Amino acid sequence: MNLLIVPLKICPVAPTGVAAYTDQISGMVLWSVLWLFGIAALVSVGAILVGRATHSPHLSKGGIIGLAGVLVLAVVLMGGYGMLNGILGDGCVG
């Protein structure tokens, strides 16, 4: 009767041989996101410099907004990962 009251922990397990592929995909996504952040930051800094050189306030303002956006998104990405990790925990249900 005690087993009916307390639910058992259910921990999903991936099939054998899948871990290598999921690690590879996770690594590719991680490095792609890091490269995109770097490219966006370089383009934003380039827009600021070109805007200053050509006396274009709109281009400079766009570069500053782009750089601020990259920084904000990097903070949100790290915070979101921490929150998701805290919610999911070890992946076991019950």
N, C-alpha and C. Protein backbone atom coordinates (compact mmCIF):
# COMPACT_ATOMS: atom_id res chain seq x y z
N MET A 1 0.82 -1.19 0.00
CA MET A 1 0.00 0.00 0.00
C MET A 1 0.87 1.25 0.00
N ASN A 2 2.01 1.18 0.64
CA ASN A 2 2.90 2.32 0.69
C ASN A 2 3.43 2.68 -0.69
N LEU A 3 3.61 1.69 -1.59
CA LEU A 3 4.09 1.95 -2.93
C LEU A 3 3.07 2.71 -3.77
N LEU A 4 1.82 2.59 -3.46
CA LEU A 4 0.79 3.30 -4.21
C LEU A 4 0.75 4.78 -3.87
N ILE A 5 1.16 5.13 -2.68
CA ILE A 5 1.10 6.52 -2.23
C ILE A 5 2.32 7.32 -2.73
N VAL A 6 3.50 6.74 -2.66
CA VAL A 6 4.73 7.43 -3.03
C VAL A 6 5.09 7.07 -4.47
N PRO A 7 5.08 8.05 -5.37
CA PRO A 7 5.46 7.72 -6.75
C PRO A 7 6.97 7.46 -6.85
N LEU A 8 7.32 6.57 -7.74
CA LEU A 8 8.72 6.25 -7.94
C LEU A 8 9.38 7.30 -8.83
N LYS A 9 10.68 7.46 -8.67
CA LYS A 9 11.41 8.38 -9.54
C LYS A 9 11.58 7.77 -10.91
N ILE A 10 11.29 8.53 -11.94
CA ILE A 10 11.46 8.08 -13.32
C ILE A 10 12.57 8.92 -13.93
N CYS A 11 13.65 8.28 -14.31
CA CYS A 11 14.78 8.98 -14.93
C CYS A 11 14.93 8.49 -16.37
N PRO A 12 14.54 9.34 -17.35
CA PRO A 12 14.68 8.91 -18.74
C PRO A 12 16.15 8.76 -19.13
N VAL A 13 16.42 7.73 -19.91
CA VAL A 13 17.78 7.45 -20.34
C VAL A 13 17.79 7.36 -21.87
N ALA A 14 18.75 8.02 -22.49
CA ALA A 14 18.87 7.96 -23.94
C ALA A 14 19.34 6.58 -24.37
N PRO A 15 18.99 6.18 -25.58
CA PRO A 15 19.46 4.88 -26.08
C PRO A 15 20.99 4.83 -26.17
N THR A 16 21.51 3.63 -26.15
CA THR A 16 22.97 3.48 -26.20
C THR A 16 23.51 3.98 -27.55
N GLY A 17 24.64 4.64 -27.49
CA GLY A 17 25.29 5.13 -28.69
C GLY A 17 24.84 6.52 -29.12
N VAL A 18 23.88 7.11 -28.43
CA VAL A 18 23.37 8.42 -28.83
C VAL A 18 24.18 9.55 -28.19
N ALA A 19 24.83 9.27 -27.08
CA ALA A 19 25.54 10.31 -26.34
C ALA A 19 26.60 11.01 -27.19
N ALA A 20 27.30 10.28 -28.01
CA ALA A 20 28.35 10.89 -28.84
C ALA A 20 27.74 11.90 -29.82
N TYR A 21 26.59 11.55 -30.40
CA TYR A 21 25.96 12.45 -31.37
C TYR A 21 25.36 13.68 -30.69
N THR A 22 24.74 13.49 -29.54
CA THR A 22 24.18 14.65 -28.84
C THR A 22 25.28 15.59 -28.35
N ASP A 23 26.40 15.03 -27.90
CA ASP A 23 27.53 15.87 -27.50
C ASP A 23 28.08 16.65 -28.70
N GLN A 24 28.15 16.00 -29.84
CA GLN A 24 28.65 16.67 -31.05
C GLN A 24 27.71 17.80 -31.48
N ILE A 25 26.42 17.55 -31.47
CA ILE A 25 25.45 18.58 -31.85
C ILE A 25 25.47 19.73 -30.85
N SER A 26 25.54 19.41 -29.55
CA SER A 26 25.59 20.45 -28.53
C SER A 26 26.84 21.32 -28.69
N GLY A 27 27.96 20.68 -29.00
CA GLY A 27 29.20 21.44 -29.21
C GLY A 27 29.11 22.35 -30.43
N MET A 28 28.51 21.84 -31.50
CA MET A 28 28.36 22.67 -32.71
C MET A 28 27.46 23.87 -32.45
N VAL A 29 26.37 23.66 -31.72
CA VAL A 29 25.46 24.76 -31.41
C VAL A 29 26.16 25.78 -30.51
N LEU A 30 26.88 25.30 -29.51
CA LEU A 30 27.59 26.21 -28.61
C LEU A 30 28.60 27.07 -29.35
N TRP A 31 29.43 26.44 -30.19
CA TRP A 31 30.44 27.20 -30.92
C TRP A 31 29.80 28.13 -31.95
N SER A 32 28.69 27.72 -32.55
CA SER A 32 28.00 28.59 -33.51
C SER A 32 27.46 29.83 -32.83
N VAL A 33 26.88 29.66 -31.65
CA VAL A 33 26.37 30.81 -30.91
C VAL A 33 27.50 31.74 -30.49
N LEU A 34 28.61 31.17 -30.05
CA LEU A 34 29.76 32.01 -29.67
C LEU A 34 30.30 32.78 -30.87
N TRP A 35 30.41 32.12 -32.02
CA TRP A 35 30.87 32.81 -33.24
C TRP A 35 29.90 33.91 -33.64
N LEU A 36 28.60 33.64 -33.54
CA LEU A 36 27.62 34.67 -33.92
C LEU A 36 27.70 35.88 -32.98
N PHE A 37 27.90 35.64 -31.68
CA PHE A 37 28.08 36.76 -30.76
C PHE A 37 29.32 37.57 -31.13
N GLY A 38 30.41 36.88 -31.45
CA GLY A 38 31.63 37.58 -31.83
C GLY A 38 31.48 38.37 -33.11
N ILE A 39 30.84 37.78 -34.11
CA ILE A 39 30.62 38.48 -35.38
C ILE A 39 29.73 39.69 -35.18
N ALA A 40 28.65 39.52 -34.39
CA ALA A 40 27.75 40.65 -34.15
C ALA A 40 28.46 41.78 -33.41
N ALA A 41 29.32 41.43 -32.46
CA ALA A 41 30.07 42.47 -31.74
C ALA A 41 31.04 43.18 -32.68
N LEU A 42 31.73 42.44 -33.54
CA LEU A 42 32.65 43.08 -34.48
C LEU A 42 31.93 43.97 -35.48
N VAL A 43 30.79 43.53 -35.98
CA VAL A 43 30.01 44.35 -36.92
C VAL A 43 29.53 45.61 -36.23
N SER A 44 29.10 45.50 -34.97
CA SER A 44 28.63 46.68 -34.24
C SER A 44 29.76 47.67 -34.00
N VAL A 45 30.93 47.18 -33.61
CA VAL A 45 32.08 48.07 -33.41
C VAL A 45 32.49 48.70 -34.74
N GLY A 46 32.45 47.91 -35.82
CA GLY A 46 32.76 48.46 -37.14
C GLY A 46 31.77 49.54 -37.56
N ALA A 47 30.48 49.34 -37.25
CA ALA A 47 29.48 50.35 -37.57
C ALA A 47 29.72 51.63 -36.79
N ILE A 48 30.13 51.50 -35.54
CA ILE A 48 30.44 52.69 -34.73
C ILE A 48 31.61 53.44 -35.34
N LEU A 49 32.67 52.72 -35.70
CA LEU A 49 33.86 53.38 -36.25
C LEU A 49 33.57 54.03 -37.61
N VAL A 50 32.85 53.32 -38.47
CA VAL A 50 32.52 53.89 -39.79
C VAL A 50 31.58 55.07 -39.63
N GLY A 51 30.65 54.97 -38.70
CA GLY A 51 29.73 56.08 -38.45
C GLY A 51 30.45 57.32 -37.95
N ARG A 52 31.45 57.12 -37.10
CA ARG A 52 32.24 58.26 -36.61
C ARG A 52 33.10 58.85 -37.72
N ALA A 53 33.65 57.97 -38.56
CA ALA A 53 34.54 58.45 -39.63
C ALA A 53 33.76 59.22 -40.70
N THR A 54 32.54 58.79 -40.98
CA THR A 54 31.74 59.43 -42.04
C THR A 54 30.74 60.44 -41.49
N HIS A 55 30.79 60.70 -40.20
CA HIS A 55 29.89 61.66 -39.54
C HIS A 55 28.43 61.28 -39.75
N SER A 56 28.16 59.99 -39.62
CA SER A 56 26.79 59.48 -39.76
C SER A 56 26.27 59.10 -38.38
N PRO A 57 25.41 59.95 -37.81
CA PRO A 57 24.92 59.64 -36.46
C PRO A 57 24.03 58.40 -36.43
N HIS A 58 23.32 58.13 -37.52
CA HIS A 58 22.44 56.97 -37.52
C HIS A 58 23.23 55.66 -37.51
N LEU A 59 24.32 55.62 -38.25
CA LEU A 59 25.15 54.42 -38.28
C LEU A 59 25.83 54.21 -36.92
N SER A 60 26.32 55.28 -36.32
CA SER A 60 26.94 55.17 -35.00
C SER A 60 25.93 54.72 -33.95
N LYS A 61 24.74 55.29 -34.02
CA LYS A 61 23.70 54.93 -33.06
C LYS A 61 23.29 53.46 -33.24
N GLY A 62 23.19 53.01 -34.49
CA GLY A 62 22.87 51.60 -34.75
C GLY A 62 23.94 50.66 -34.23
N GLY A 63 25.20 51.05 -34.37
CA GLY A 63 26.30 50.24 -33.85
C GLY A 63 26.27 50.15 -32.34
N ILE A 64 25.97 51.27 -31.68
CA ILE A 64 25.90 51.27 -30.22
C ILE A 64 24.74 50.40 -29.75
N ILE A 65 23.59 50.51 -30.42
CA ILE A 65 22.44 49.69 -30.06
C ILE A 65 22.74 48.21 -30.31
N GLY A 66 23.42 47.92 -31.40
CA GLY A 66 23.79 46.53 -31.69
C GLY A 66 24.73 45.96 -30.65
N LEU A 67 25.70 46.74 -30.24
CA LEU A 67 26.65 46.29 -29.22
C LEU A 67 25.95 46.08 -27.89
N ALA A 68 25.06 46.99 -27.53
CA ALA A 68 24.30 46.83 -26.28
C ALA A 68 23.41 45.59 -26.37
N GLY A 69 22.82 45.35 -27.55
CA GLY A 69 21.98 44.17 -27.72
C GLY A 69 22.77 42.87 -27.57
N VAL A 70 23.97 42.85 -28.10
CA VAL A 70 24.82 41.66 -27.96
C VAL A 70 25.14 41.41 -26.49
N LEU A 71 25.47 42.44 -25.76
CA LEU A 71 25.79 42.28 -24.34
C LEU A 71 24.58 41.83 -23.54
N VAL A 72 23.41 42.42 -23.82
CA VAL A 72 22.19 42.04 -23.11
C VAL A 72 21.82 40.59 -23.42
N LEU A 73 21.91 40.20 -24.69
CA LEU A 73 21.58 38.82 -25.06
C LEU A 73 22.56 37.82 -24.45
N ALA A 74 23.82 38.20 -24.31
CA ALA A 74 24.79 37.29 -23.68
C ALA A 74 24.42 37.08 -22.20
N VAL A 75 24.02 38.14 -21.51
CA VAL A 75 23.62 38.02 -20.11
C VAL A 75 22.33 37.19 -19.99
N VAL A 76 21.37 37.43 -20.90
CA VAL A 76 20.11 36.68 -20.87
C VAL A 76 20.37 35.20 -21.17
N LEU A 77 21.28 34.90 -22.09
CA LEU A 77 21.59 33.52 -22.41
C LEU A 77 22.16 32.80 -21.20
N MET A 78 23.07 33.42 -20.49
CA MET A 78 23.66 32.79 -19.32
C MET A 78 22.63 32.65 -18.20
N GLY A 79 21.81 33.66 -18.00
CA GLY A 79 20.76 33.58 -16.97
C GLY A 79 19.71 32.55 -17.32
N GLY A 80 19.33 32.50 -18.59
CA GLY A 80 18.33 31.52 -19.02
C GLY A 80 18.83 30.10 -18.86
N TYR A 81 20.10 29.87 -19.17
CA TYR A 81 20.68 28.54 -19.00
C TYR A 81 20.67 28.14 -17.53
N GLY A 82 21.01 29.06 -16.66
CA GLY A 82 21.00 28.77 -15.22
C GLY A 82 19.60 28.47 -14.71
N MET A 83 18.61 29.25 -15.17
CA MET A 83 17.23 28.99 -14.75
C MET A 83 16.73 27.65 -15.27
N LEU A 84 17.02 27.34 -16.52
CA LEU A 84 16.59 26.08 -17.10
C LEU A 84 17.24 24.90 -16.40
N ASN A 85 18.50 25.03 -16.07
CA ASN A 85 19.21 23.98 -15.35
C ASN A 85 18.64 23.80 -13.95
N GLY A 86 18.25 24.90 -13.31
CA GLY A 86 17.64 24.80 -11.99
C GLY A 86 16.26 24.18 -12.01
N ILE A 87 15.49 24.45 -13.06
CA ILE A 87 14.15 23.88 -13.16
C ILE A 87 14.22 22.39 -13.48
N LEU A 88 15.05 22.01 -14.43
CA LEU A 88 15.11 20.62 -14.85
C LEU A 88 15.88 19.74 -13.88
N GLY A 89 16.88 20.29 -13.23
CA GLY A 89 17.67 19.52 -12.27
C GLY A 89 18.40 18.38 -12.94
N ASP A 90 18.26 17.17 -12.40
CA ASP A 90 18.97 16.02 -12.95
C ASP A 90 18.16 15.29 -14.01
N GLY A 91 16.96 15.76 -14.31
CA GLY A 91 16.14 15.16 -15.37
C GLY A 91 15.18 14.10 -14.88
N CYS A 92 15.23 13.76 -13.59
CA CYS A 92 14.34 12.73 -13.06
C CYS A 92 12.99 13.35 -12.69
N VAL A 93 11.94 12.59 -12.92
CA VAL A 93 10.59 13.04 -12.60
C VAL A 93 10.07 12.18 -11.45
N GLY A 94 9.46 12.86 -10.50
CA GLY A 94 8.85 12.10 -9.41
C GLY A 94 9.49 12.34 -8.09
